[in-house]
Amino acid sequence: MGKVIKFPQEKSTPGEAMKLKQVSDAIDSVLIDALENKGLAPHELAGLLAHRLGSFMRPMDSKSHLWDICEKVLKRQAVLD
């Protein structure tokens, strides 16, 4: 589950990339704990993440641009295309 996001060094400073990696690792830890110790199903967690992302994006100004990026990343990571 972890180590799925490649953080481009050329687009961000090393400090920013490290912060993103730490957040990513923390999310992975929560999800792995939910799967292994709390017995939640992967589809339940996927729905939860989709709900949280939608709530997080609600107040943003450039939702359509951000959605395009999210859709591309999701399809690539899930090997949908």
C-alpha atoms as a PDB file:
ATOM      1  CA  MET A   1       0.000   0.000   0.000  1.00  0.00           C
ATOM      2  CA  GLY A   2       2.800   2.441   0.840  1.00  0.00           C
ATOM      3  CA  LYS A   3       5.487   3.909  -1.364  1.00  0.00           C
ATOM      4  CA  VAL A   4       3.162   4.482  -4.324  1.00  0.00           C
ATOM      5  CA  ILE A   5       3.713   8.193  -4.856  1.00  0.00           C
ATOM      6  CA  LYS A   6       6.854   9.367  -6.631  1.00  0.00           C
ATOM      7  CA  PHE A   7       7.761  12.833  -5.419  1.00  0.00           C
ATOM      8  CA  PRO A   8       9.384  14.873  -8.210  1.00  0.00           C
ATOM      9  CA  GLN A   9      12.410  16.687  -6.835  1.00  0.00           C
ATOM     10  CA  GLU A  10      12.610  19.193  -9.691  1.00  0.00           C
ATOM     11  CA  LYS A  11       9.149  20.618  -8.987  1.00  0.00           C
ATOM     12  CA  SER A  12       9.518  21.022  -5.265  1.00  0.00           C
ATOM     13  CA  THR A  13      12.197  21.845  -2.792  1.00  0.00           C
ATOM     14  CA  PRO A  14      13.605  18.929  -0.799  1.00  0.00           C
ATOM     15  CA  GLY A  15      11.808  20.238   2.302  1.00  0.00           C
ATOM     16  CA  GLU A  16       8.442  20.270   0.537  1.00  0.00           C
ATOM     17  CA  ALA A  17       9.000  16.786  -0.873  1.00  0.00           C
ATOM     18  CA  MET A  18       9.900  15.489   2.592  1.00  0.00           C
ATOM     19  CA  LYS A  19       6.763  17.026   4.112  1.00  0.00           C
ATOM     20  CA  LEU A  20       4.622  15.402   1.401  1.00  0.00           C
ATOM     21  CA  LYS A  21       6.344  12.061   1.958  1.00  0.00           C
ATOM     22  CA  GLN A  22       5.726  12.293   5.716  1.00  0.00           C
ATOM     23  CA  VAL A  23       2.026  13.031   5.153  1.00  0.00           C
ATOM     24  CA  SER A  24       1.816  10.171   2.660  1.00  0.00           C
ATOM     25  CA  ASP A  25       3.478   7.775   5.093  1.00  0.00           C
ATOM     26  CA  ALA A  26       1.098   8.872   7.873  1.00  0.00           C
ATOM     27  CA  ILE A  27      -1.941   8.259   5.652  1.00  0.00           C
ATOM     28  CA  ASP A  28      -0.547   4.838   4.691  1.00  0.00           C
ATOM     29  CA  SER A  29      -0.109   3.966   8.374  1.00  0.00           C
ATOM     30  CA  VAL A  30      -3.709   4.863   9.167  1.00  0.00           C
ATOM     31  CA  LEU A  31      -5.019   2.866   6.200  1.00  0.00           C
ATOM     32  CA  ILE A  32      -2.877  -0.188   6.918  1.00  0.00           C
ATOM     33  CA  ASP A  33      -3.985  -0.121  10.561  1.00  0.00           C
ATOM     34  CA  ALA A  34      -7.623   0.109   9.456  1.00  0.00           C
ATOM     35  CA  LEU A  35      -7.186  -2.880   7.132  1.00  0.00           C
ATOM     36  CA  GLU A  36      -5.121  -5.086   9.403  1.00  0.00           C
ATOM     37  CA  ASN A  37      -6.281  -4.219  12.920  1.00  0.00           C
ATOM     38  CA  LYS A  38      -9.754  -2.755  12.551  1.00  0.00           C
ATOM     39  CA  GLY A  39     -10.979  -5.144   9.870  1.00  0.00           C
ATOM     40  CA  LEU A  40     -12.249  -2.528   7.442  1.00  0.00           C
ATOM     41  CA  ALA A  41     -12.582  -3.544   3.806  1.00  0.00           C
ATOM     42  CA  PRO A  42     -10.570  -1.841   1.064  1.00  0.00           C
ATOM     43  CA  HIS A  43     -13.716  -0.636  -0.708  1.00  0.00           C
ATOM     44  CA  GLU A  44     -14.929   1.000   2.525  1.00  0.00           C
ATOM     45  CA  LEU A  45     -11.622   2.833   2.886  1.00  0.00           C
ATOM     46  CA  ALA A  46     -11.696   3.902  -0.772  1.00  0.00           C
ATOM     47  CA  GLY A  47     -15.171   5.361  -0.245  1.00  0.00           C
ATOM     48  CA  LEU A  48     -14.000   7.117   2.902  1.00  0.00           C
ATOM     49  CA  LEU A  49     -11.009   8.628   1.088  1.00  0.00           C
ATOM     50  CA  ALA A  50     -13.226   9.780  -1.793  1.00  0.00           C
ATOM     51  CA  HIS A  51     -15.615  11.420   0.676  1.00  0.00           C
ATOM     52  CA  ARG A  52     -12.791  13.167   2.541  1.00  0.00           C
ATOM     53  CA  LEU A  53     -11.158  14.380  -0.687  1.00  0.00           C
ATOM     54  CA  GLY A  54     -14.473  15.786  -1.890  1.00  0.00           C
ATOM     55  CA  SER A  55     -14.977  17.610   1.406  1.00  0.00           C
ATOM     56  CA  PHE A  56     -11.410  18.875   1.307  1.00  0.00           C
ATOM     57  CA  MET A  57     -11.835  20.200  -2.253  1.00  0.00           C
ATOM     58  CA  ARG A  58     -15.212  21.871  -1.655  1.00  0.00           C
ATOM     59  CA  PRO A  59     -13.882  25.323  -0.663  1.00  0.00           C
ATOM     60  CA  MET A  60     -11.083  25.401  -3.263  1.00  0.00           C
ATOM     61  CA  ASP A  61     -11.201  27.824  -6.167  1.00  0.00           C
ATOM     62  CA  SER A  62      -9.690  25.675  -8.913  1.00  0.00           C
ATOM     63  CA  LYS A  63     -11.711  22.504  -8.358  1.00  0.00           C
ATOM     64  CA  SER A  64     -11.954  21.509 -12.010  1.00  0.00           C
ATOM     65  CA  HIS A  65      -8.185  21.763 -12.551  1.00  0.00           C
ATOM     66  CA  LEU A  66      -7.483  19.893  -9.321  1.00  0.00           C
ATOM     67  CA  TRP A  67     -10.068  17.257 -10.250  1.00  0.00           C
ATOM     68  CA  ASP A  68      -8.311  16.677 -13.589  1.00  0.00           C
ATOM     69  CA  ILE A  69      -5.035  16.091 -11.750  1.00  0.00           C
ATOM     70  CA  CYS A  70      -6.680  13.798  -9.176  1.00  0.00           C
ATOM     71  CA  GLU A  71      -8.377  11.780 -11.910  1.00  0.00           C
ATOM     72  CA  LYS A  72      -5.112  11.304 -13.825  1.00  0.00           C
ATOM     73  CA  VAL A  73      -3.218  10.257 -10.697  1.00  0.00           C
ATOM     74  CA  LEU A  74      -6.005   7.918  -9.572  1.00  0.00           C
ATOM     75  CA  LYS A  75      -6.221   6.208 -12.960  1.00  0.00           C
ATOM     76  CA  ARG A  76      -2.449   5.818 -13.170  1.00  0.00           C
ATOM     77  CA  GLN A  77      -2.072   4.478  -9.625  1.00  0.00           C
ATOM     78  CA  ALA A  78      -5.015   2.078  -9.987  1.00  0.00           C
ATOM     79  CA  VAL A  79      -3.823   1.006 -13.466  1.00  0.00           C
ATOM     80  CA  LEU A  80      -7.220   1.835 -14.957  1.00  0.00           C
ATOM     81  CA  ASP A  81      -5.976   3.059 -18.356  1.00  0.00           C
END
